[in-house]
Amino acid sequence: MYRWFHEITGDLRTEMKGLRWLLIRKQDLEKATAAWMFAELDGTLIGVEHRGSKFISGIHNRAIHLLLVDNDEGITGITKVVKDGELIDHLW
């Protein structure tokens, strides 16, 4: 089961319970700090759709399990980085 971060309108922690994946769009990364923290505590995997602009590695890398980008050069610390298809095509 997955859910997009931008679709969560209620209490984040409550709505994340039981999720296998929380998917985040690039434009929502700055607002998603609490989601990364809760995901790590609750065992939810994080996927980020980041096509259309350069991904800048940072502290959030350690919380991301799946990253969809245009260019994967120099990206480290993420379980799986892909360049094709849709994010949901690569969930496990």
N, C-alpha and C. Protein backbone atom coordinates (compact mmCIF):
# COMPACT_ATOMS: atom_id res chain seq x y z
N MET A 1 0.84 -1.17 0.00
CA MET A 1 0.00 0.00 0.00
C MET A 1 0.90 1.25 0.00
N TYR A 2 0.53 2.23 -0.80
CA TYR A 2 1.28 3.48 -0.84
C TYR A 2 0.34 4.67 -0.77
N ARG A 3 0.93 5.82 -0.45
CA ARG A 3 0.16 7.06 -0.39
C ARG A 3 1.09 8.20 -0.77
N TRP A 4 0.57 9.19 -1.46
CA TRP A 4 1.34 10.37 -1.81
C TRP A 4 1.27 11.37 -0.66
N PHE A 5 2.40 11.93 -0.29
CA PHE A 5 2.49 12.91 0.79
C PHE A 5 1.55 14.08 0.58
N HIS A 6 1.48 14.60 -0.63
CA HIS A 6 0.66 15.79 -0.89
C HIS A 6 -0.84 15.51 -0.76
N GLU A 7 -1.24 14.27 -0.73
CA GLU A 7 -2.65 13.92 -0.58
C GLU A 7 -3.08 13.77 0.88
N ILE A 8 -2.12 13.78 1.78
CA ILE A 8 -2.44 13.64 3.21
C ILE A 8 -2.94 14.98 3.74
N THR A 9 -4.17 14.96 4.22
CA THR A 9 -4.78 16.19 4.71
C THR A 9 -5.01 16.18 6.22
N GLY A 10 -5.02 15.00 6.80
CA GLY A 10 -5.23 14.88 8.25
C GLY A 10 -3.90 14.79 8.97
N ASP A 11 -3.93 14.18 10.14
CA ASP A 11 -2.74 13.99 10.95
C ASP A 11 -1.76 13.07 10.23
N LEU A 12 -0.58 13.58 9.96
CA LEU A 12 0.43 12.85 9.19
C LEU A 12 0.74 11.49 9.80
N ARG A 13 1.03 11.46 11.07
CA ARG A 13 1.43 10.21 11.73
C ARG A 13 0.31 9.18 11.66
N THR A 14 -0.90 9.60 11.89
CA THR A 14 -2.04 8.69 11.84
C THR A 14 -2.22 8.13 10.43
N GLU A 15 -2.13 8.99 9.43
CA GLU A 15 -2.36 8.55 8.06
C GLU A 15 -1.22 7.71 7.50
N MET A 16 -0.03 7.80 8.11
CA MET A 16 1.10 7.00 7.65
C MET A 16 1.10 5.60 8.25
N LYS A 17 0.40 5.40 9.35
CA LYS A 17 0.40 4.08 10.01
C LYS A 17 -0.09 3.01 9.04
N GLY A 18 0.67 1.96 8.94
CA GLY A 18 0.30 0.84 8.10
C GLY A 18 0.72 0.97 6.64
N LEU A 19 1.30 2.10 6.26
CA LEU A 19 1.75 2.27 4.87
C LEU A 19 3.06 1.53 4.64
N ARG A 20 3.17 0.91 3.50
CA ARG A 20 4.46 0.34 3.08
C ARG A 20 5.32 1.44 2.48
N TRP A 21 4.71 2.33 1.68
CA TRP A 21 5.41 3.40 0.98
C TRP A 21 4.73 4.74 1.18
N LEU A 22 5.55 5.76 1.40
CA LEU A 22 5.09 7.15 1.32
C LEU A 22 5.84 7.75 0.14
N LEU A 23 5.11 8.27 -0.83
CA LEU A 23 5.70 8.83 -2.03
C LEU A 23 5.66 10.35 -1.96
N ILE A 24 6.78 10.97 -2.33
CA ILE A 24 6.91 12.42 -2.20
C ILE A 24 7.34 13.02 -3.53
N ARG A 25 6.66 14.08 -3.96
CA ARG A 25 7.07 14.81 -5.16
C ARG A 25 8.19 15.77 -4.80
N LYS A 26 9.03 16.11 -5.79
CA LYS A 26 10.17 16.99 -5.53
C LYS A 26 9.75 18.31 -4.89
N GLN A 27 8.63 18.86 -5.30
CA GLN A 27 8.19 20.15 -4.76
C GLN A 27 7.73 20.05 -3.30
N ASP A 28 7.54 18.84 -2.80
CA ASP A 28 7.10 18.66 -1.42
C ASP A 28 8.23 18.29 -0.47
N LEU A 29 9.45 18.11 -0.97
CA LEU A 29 10.56 17.68 -0.13
C LEU A 29 10.79 18.58 1.08
N GLU A 30 10.75 19.88 0.88
CA GLU A 30 11.01 20.81 1.99
C GLU A 30 9.97 20.72 3.09
N LYS A 31 8.76 20.30 2.75
CA LYS A 31 7.68 20.19 3.73
C LYS A 31 7.61 18.81 4.37
N ALA A 32 8.46 17.89 3.95
CA ALA A 32 8.32 16.49 4.33
C ALA A 32 9.25 16.02 5.45
N THR A 33 9.89 16.92 6.16
CA THR A 33 10.83 16.51 7.20
C THR A 33 10.17 15.61 8.24
N ALA A 34 9.00 15.95 8.71
CA ALA A 34 8.31 15.13 9.70
C ALA A 34 7.97 13.76 9.13
N ALA A 35 7.65 13.71 7.86
CA ALA A 35 7.34 12.43 7.22
C ALA A 35 8.55 11.51 7.23
N TRP A 36 9.74 12.04 6.97
CA TRP A 36 10.95 11.20 6.99
C TRP A 36 11.18 10.65 8.38
N MET A 37 11.01 11.48 9.39
CA MET A 37 11.24 11.05 10.77
C MET A 37 10.26 9.95 11.16
N PHE A 38 8.98 10.16 10.89
CA PHE A 38 7.98 9.15 11.24
C PHE A 38 8.17 7.88 10.43
N ALA A 39 8.53 8.02 9.16
CA ALA A 39 8.71 6.85 8.31
C ALA A 39 9.80 5.94 8.87
N GLU A 40 10.88 6.53 9.31
CA GLU A 40 11.97 5.74 9.87
C GLU A 40 11.53 5.03 11.14
N LEU A 41 10.78 5.72 11.98
CA LEU A 41 10.30 5.12 13.23
C LEU A 41 9.30 4.00 12.99
N ASP A 42 8.43 4.17 12.00
CA ASP A 42 7.34 3.22 11.75
C ASP A 42 7.64 2.17 10.70
N GLY A 43 8.79 2.26 10.04
CA GLY A 43 9.14 1.27 9.03
C GLY A 43 8.52 1.51 7.67
N THR A 44 8.07 2.72 7.41
CA THR A 44 7.51 3.07 6.09
C THR A 44 8.66 3.43 5.16
N LEU A 45 8.62 2.93 3.94
CA LEU A 45 9.64 3.25 2.95
C LEU A 45 9.28 4.55 2.25
N ILE A 46 10.30 5.33 1.87
CA ILE A 46 10.10 6.62 1.22
C ILE A 46 10.56 6.54 -0.23
N GLY A 47 9.69 6.98 -1.14
CA GLY A 47 10.02 7.10 -2.56
C GLY A 47 9.86 8.55 -2.98
N VAL A 48 10.80 9.06 -3.77
CA VAL A 48 10.75 10.46 -4.20
C VAL A 48 10.78 10.54 -5.72
N GLU A 49 9.83 11.26 -6.30
CA GLU A 49 9.78 11.54 -7.73
C GLU A 49 10.44 12.89 -7.93
N HIS A 50 11.63 12.89 -8.55
CA HIS A 50 12.42 14.12 -8.63
C HIS A 50 12.86 14.44 -10.06
N ARG A 51 12.10 14.02 -11.04
CA ARG A 51 12.46 14.35 -12.42
C ARG A 51 12.17 15.81 -12.70
N GLY A 52 12.92 16.38 -13.64
CA GLY A 52 12.67 17.75 -14.06
C GLY A 52 13.60 18.77 -13.46
N SER A 53 14.36 18.38 -12.44
CA SER A 53 15.36 19.27 -11.87
C SER A 53 16.45 18.43 -11.20
N LYS A 54 17.59 19.03 -10.99
CA LYS A 54 18.73 18.31 -10.42
C LYS A 54 18.44 17.97 -8.96
N PHE A 55 18.69 16.71 -8.59
CA PHE A 55 18.55 16.28 -7.21
C PHE A 55 19.80 16.69 -6.45
N ILE A 56 19.62 17.38 -5.35
CA ILE A 56 20.75 17.79 -4.52
C ILE A 56 20.77 16.91 -3.28
N SER A 57 21.83 16.13 -3.17
CA SER A 57 21.97 15.23 -2.03
C SER A 57 22.04 16.02 -0.74
N GLY A 58 21.52 15.43 0.31
CA GLY A 58 21.53 16.06 1.62
C GLY A 58 21.23 15.05 2.70
N ILE A 59 20.92 15.54 3.87
CA ILE A 59 20.63 14.66 5.00
C ILE A 59 19.43 13.76 4.71
N HIS A 60 18.52 14.22 3.86
CA HIS A 60 17.33 13.44 3.54
C HIS A 60 17.67 12.16 2.75
N ASN A 61 18.87 12.07 2.16
CA ASN A 61 19.23 10.87 1.41
C ASN A 61 19.08 9.60 2.23
N ARG A 62 19.43 9.67 3.49
CA ARG A 62 19.40 8.45 4.31
C ARG A 62 17.98 7.95 4.55
N ALA A 63 16.99 8.80 4.37
CA ALA A 63 15.59 8.41 4.58
C ALA A 63 14.92 7.93 3.30
N ILE A 64 15.56 8.15 2.15
CA ILE A 64 14.96 7.81 0.87
C ILE A 64 15.37 6.40 0.45
N HIS A 65 14.39 5.59 0.09
CA HIS A 65 14.66 4.22 -0.35
C HIS A 65 14.61 4.09 -1.87
N LEU A 66 13.82 4.93 -2.51
CA LEU A 66 13.64 4.87 -3.96
C LEU A 66 13.59 6.30 -4.49
N LEU A 67 14.39 6.56 -5.52
CA LEU A 67 14.48 7.91 -6.08
C LEU A 67 14.38 7.82 -7.60
N LEU A 68 13.47 8.58 -8.18
CA LEU A 68 13.31 8.65 -9.63
C LEU A 68 13.84 10.00 -10.10
N VAL A 69 14.89 9.96 -10.94
CA VAL A 69 15.57 11.18 -11.39
C VAL A 69 15.84 11.12 -12.89
N ASP A 70 16.24 12.25 -13.45
CA ASP A 70 16.67 12.30 -14.84
C ASP A 70 18.13 11.86 -14.97
N ASN A 71 18.95 12.23 -13.98
CA ASN A 71 20.38 11.95 -14.02
C ASN A 71 20.80 11.42 -12.65
N ASP A 72 21.35 10.21 -12.62
CA ASP A 72 21.70 9.59 -11.34
C ASP A 72 23.18 9.74 -10.96
N GLU A 73 23.91 10.56 -11.65
CA GLU A 73 25.34 10.73 -11.37
C GLU A 73 25.56 11.38 -10.01
N GLY A 74 26.44 10.77 -9.22
CA GLY A 74 26.84 11.35 -7.95
C GLY A 74 25.85 11.21 -6.82
N ILE A 75 24.79 10.46 -6.99
CA ILE A 75 23.80 10.28 -5.93
C ILE A 75 24.18 9.03 -5.14
N THR A 76 24.37 9.20 -3.84
CA THR A 76 24.74 8.07 -2.98
C THR A 76 23.83 8.02 -1.76
N GLY A 77 23.84 6.90 -1.09
CA GLY A 77 23.10 6.76 0.16
C GLY A 77 21.64 6.44 0.00
N ILE A 78 21.20 6.12 -1.20
CA ILE A 78 19.80 5.78 -1.46
C ILE A 78 19.77 4.35 -1.98
N THR A 79 18.84 3.55 -1.47
CA THR A 79 18.79 2.13 -1.82
C THR A 79 18.67 1.89 -3.31
N LYS A 80 17.75 2.57 -3.99
CA LYS A 80 17.54 2.34 -5.42
C LYS A 80 17.27 3.67 -6.12
N VAL A 81 18.07 3.96 -7.14
CA VAL A 81 17.90 5.17 -7.95
C VAL A 81 17.58 4.72 -9.37
N VAL A 82 16.48 5.22 -9.92
CA VAL A 82 16.04 4.82 -11.27
C VAL A 82 15.80 6.04 -12.13
N LYS A 83 15.82 5.81 -13.45
CA LYS A 83 15.65 6.92 -14.40
C LYS A 83 14.50 6.69 -15.38
N ASP A 84 13.78 5.60 -15.25
CA ASP A 84 12.74 5.34 -16.24
C ASP A 84 11.43 4.93 -15.57
N GLY A 85 10.35 5.05 -16.32
CA GLY A 85 9.04 4.64 -15.84
C GLY A 85 8.46 5.63 -14.84
N GLU A 86 7.53 5.14 -14.06
CA GLU A 86 6.89 5.93 -13.01
C GLU A 86 7.36 5.39 -11.67
N LEU A 87 7.28 6.20 -10.66
CA LEU A 87 7.74 5.80 -9.32
C LEU A 87 7.07 4.52 -8.86
N ILE A 88 5.77 4.42 -9.05
CA ILE A 88 5.05 3.23 -8.57
C ILE A 88 5.45 1.96 -9.31
N ASP A 89 6.06 2.10 -10.49
CA ASP A 89 6.54 0.94 -11.24
C ASP A 89 7.70 0.24 -10.52
N HIS A 90 8.38 0.94 -9.63
CA HIS A 90 9.60 0.42 -9.01
C HIS A 90 9.43 0.08 -7.53
N LEU A 91 8.23 0.18 -6.98
CA LEU A 91 8.00 -0.15 -5.58
C LEU A 91 8.20 -1.63 -5.34
N TRP A 92 8.67 -1.99 -4.18
CA TRP A 92 8.82 -3.40 -3.83
C TRP A 92 8.16 -3.68 -2.51
